[in-house]
Amino acid sequence: YLCDRLAQDPDVYLDELQRELSNAAGIDVHISTVWRALQRLGVTRKILDQRAMERNDEERAEFRRAIRAFRPSQVVVIDETAINRRMTYRNRGYSLSGNRAFKRAFFVRGKRYANESLH
């Protein structure tokens, strides 16, 4: 159950897993017991790799091919600082040791406040 649950939602908190075990299976355990069970299964905690659901791998590959035509001195990079609701996403998640923890998320920002400069 735990591995399937983490594959579905890798950024779930231990107390949420504890509550789900209690509600779904009637199993009341301490949070540390949940963590030890995850460790025995080979699960580790790591930085969560968030991937945009809007991402188009074909367009990304085409951009990489197109940008090779330019010298680095011809490229202008925009440095940007912004605040938006995506900042509420969790930064850490769980996955089996050796596997990257990732979650697909919407990256459409909605209302956004930005400070931009050219380099």
Protein backbone atom coordinates (compact mmCIF):
# COMPACT_ATOMS: atom_id res chain seq x y z
CA TYR A 1 0.00 0.00 0.00
CA LEU A 2 2.70 2.49 0.99
CA CYS A 3 4.77 2.17 -2.21
CA ASP A 4 1.65 2.47 -4.37
CA ARG A 5 0.53 5.51 -2.41
CA LEU A 6 3.91 7.22 -2.78
CA ALA A 7 4.01 6.46 -6.50
CA GLN A 8 0.63 8.19 -6.78
CA ASP A 9 1.54 11.17 -4.57
CA PRO A 10 5.25 11.38 -3.64
CA ASP A 11 4.91 14.59 -1.63
CA VAL A 12 2.48 13.20 0.93
CA TYR A 13 3.47 13.89 4.57
CA LEU A 14 4.04 11.11 7.08
CA ASP A 15 1.13 12.28 9.25
CA GLU A 16 -1.13 12.08 6.19
CA LEU A 17 0.00 8.49 5.56
CA GLN A 18 -0.59 7.71 9.24
CA ARG A 19 -4.14 9.11 9.04
CA GLU A 20 -4.87 7.21 5.80
CA LEU A 21 -3.68 3.93 7.33
CA SER A 22 -5.97 4.55 10.29
CA ASN A 23 -9.00 5.49 8.17
CA ALA A 24 -8.62 2.90 5.40
CA ALA A 25 -7.33 -0.14 7.26
CA GLY A 26 -8.03 0.64 10.90
CA ILE A 27 -4.30 0.49 11.63
CA ASP A 28 -3.22 2.97 14.32
CA VAL A 29 0.55 3.46 14.31
CA HIS A 30 2.95 6.20 15.36
CA ILE A 31 4.49 8.43 12.67
CA SER A 32 7.93 6.98 13.44
CA THR A 33 6.54 3.51 12.67
CA VAL A 34 5.36 4.76 9.27
CA TRP A 35 8.85 6.15 8.61
CA ARG A 36 10.57 2.91 9.66
CA ALA A 37 8.25 0.93 7.36
CA LEU A 38 9.18 3.22 4.47
CA GLN A 39 12.88 2.80 5.24
CA ARG A 40 12.51 -1.00 5.25
CA LEU A 41 10.88 -0.74 1.82
CA GLY A 42 13.91 1.23 0.56
CA VAL A 43 12.11 4.58 0.40
CA THR A 44 14.14 7.74 0.94
CA ARG A 45 13.22 11.40 1.25
CA LYS A 46 14.60 13.71 -1.42
CA ILE A 47 14.15 17.00 -3.25
CA LEU A 48 11.03 16.75 -5.39
CA ASP A 49 11.53 17.21 -9.13
CA GLN A 50 8.41 19.03 -10.31
CA ARG A 51 7.61 18.66 -13.99
CA ALA A 52 5.23 20.97 -15.79
CA MET A 53 2.13 19.26 -17.12
CA GLU A 54 2.18 21.83 -19.93
CA ARG A 55 5.73 20.82 -20.95
CA ASN A 56 6.12 19.76 -24.56
CA ASP A 57 9.27 17.66 -25.05
CA GLU A 58 9.18 18.06 -28.84
CA GLU A 59 9.15 21.86 -28.55
CA ARG A 60 11.98 21.71 -25.99
CA ALA A 61 14.11 19.58 -28.34
CA GLU A 62 13.38 21.94 -31.24
CA PHE A 63 14.43 24.94 -29.12
CA ARG A 64 17.71 23.21 -28.19
CA ARG A 65 18.41 22.53 -31.87
CA ALA A 66 17.57 26.13 -32.86
CA ILE A 67 19.65 27.78 -30.11
CA ARG A 68 22.80 25.96 -31.31
CA ALA A 69 22.84 28.29 -34.33
CA PHE A 70 23.82 31.22 -32.07
CA ARG A 71 27.11 32.10 -30.41
CA PRO A 72 26.85 32.63 -26.63
CA SER A 73 27.59 36.35 -27.13
CA GLN A 74 24.42 36.62 -29.24
CA VAL A 75 22.13 35.27 -26.52
CA VAL A 76 20.40 37.55 -24.02
CA VAL A 77 19.39 35.88 -20.77
CA ILE A 78 16.57 37.28 -18.66
CA ASP A 79 16.99 36.88 -14.91
CA GLU A 80 13.66 36.87 -13.15
CA THR A 81 12.42 36.92 -9.60
CA ALA A 82 8.74 36.25 -9.07
CA ILE A 83 6.11 35.24 -6.57
CA ASN A 84 3.10 33.09 -7.45
CA ARG A 85 0.88 30.35 -6.04
CA ARG A 86 3.24 27.60 -7.26
CA MET A 87 5.48 28.55 -4.36
CA THR A 88 3.04 26.70 -2.11
CA TYR A 89 3.97 23.36 -3.72
CA ARG A 90 5.90 20.98 -1.50
CA ASN A 91 9.63 20.78 -2.20
CA ARG A 92 10.38 17.31 -0.90
CA GLY A 93 8.96 13.90 -1.63
CA TYR A 94 9.57 10.18 -1.21
CA SER A 95 10.59 7.48 -3.65
CA LEU A 96 12.46 4.21 -3.70
CA SER A 97 16.20 4.56 -3.25
CA GLY A 98 17.88 5.17 -6.60
CA ASN A 99 14.71 6.61 -8.17
CA ARG A 100 13.99 10.29 -8.57
CA ALA A 101 10.95 11.63 -6.71
CA PHE A 102 8.83 13.63 -9.13
CA LYS A 103 5.35 14.98 -9.40
CA ARG A 104 3.59 16.45 -12.40
CA ALA A 105 2.06 19.80 -11.56
CA PHE A 106 0.38 22.66 -13.37
CA PHE A 107 2.85 25.46 -13.97
CA VAL A 108 0.30 27.98 -15.25
CA ARG A 109 0.91 30.72 -12.77
CA GLY A 110 -2.26 32.78 -12.53
CA LYS A 111 -1.62 36.09 -10.74
CA ARG A 112 2.09 36.81 -10.62
CA TYR A 113 4.35 39.55 -9.30
CA ALA A 114 7.74 39.82 -11.01
CA ASN A 115 10.99 41.76 -10.97
CA GLU A 116 12.98 41.22 -14.17
CA SER A 117 16.36 42.36 -15.46
CA LEU A 118 18.47 41.66 -18.55
CA HIS A 119 22.01 40.26 -18.38
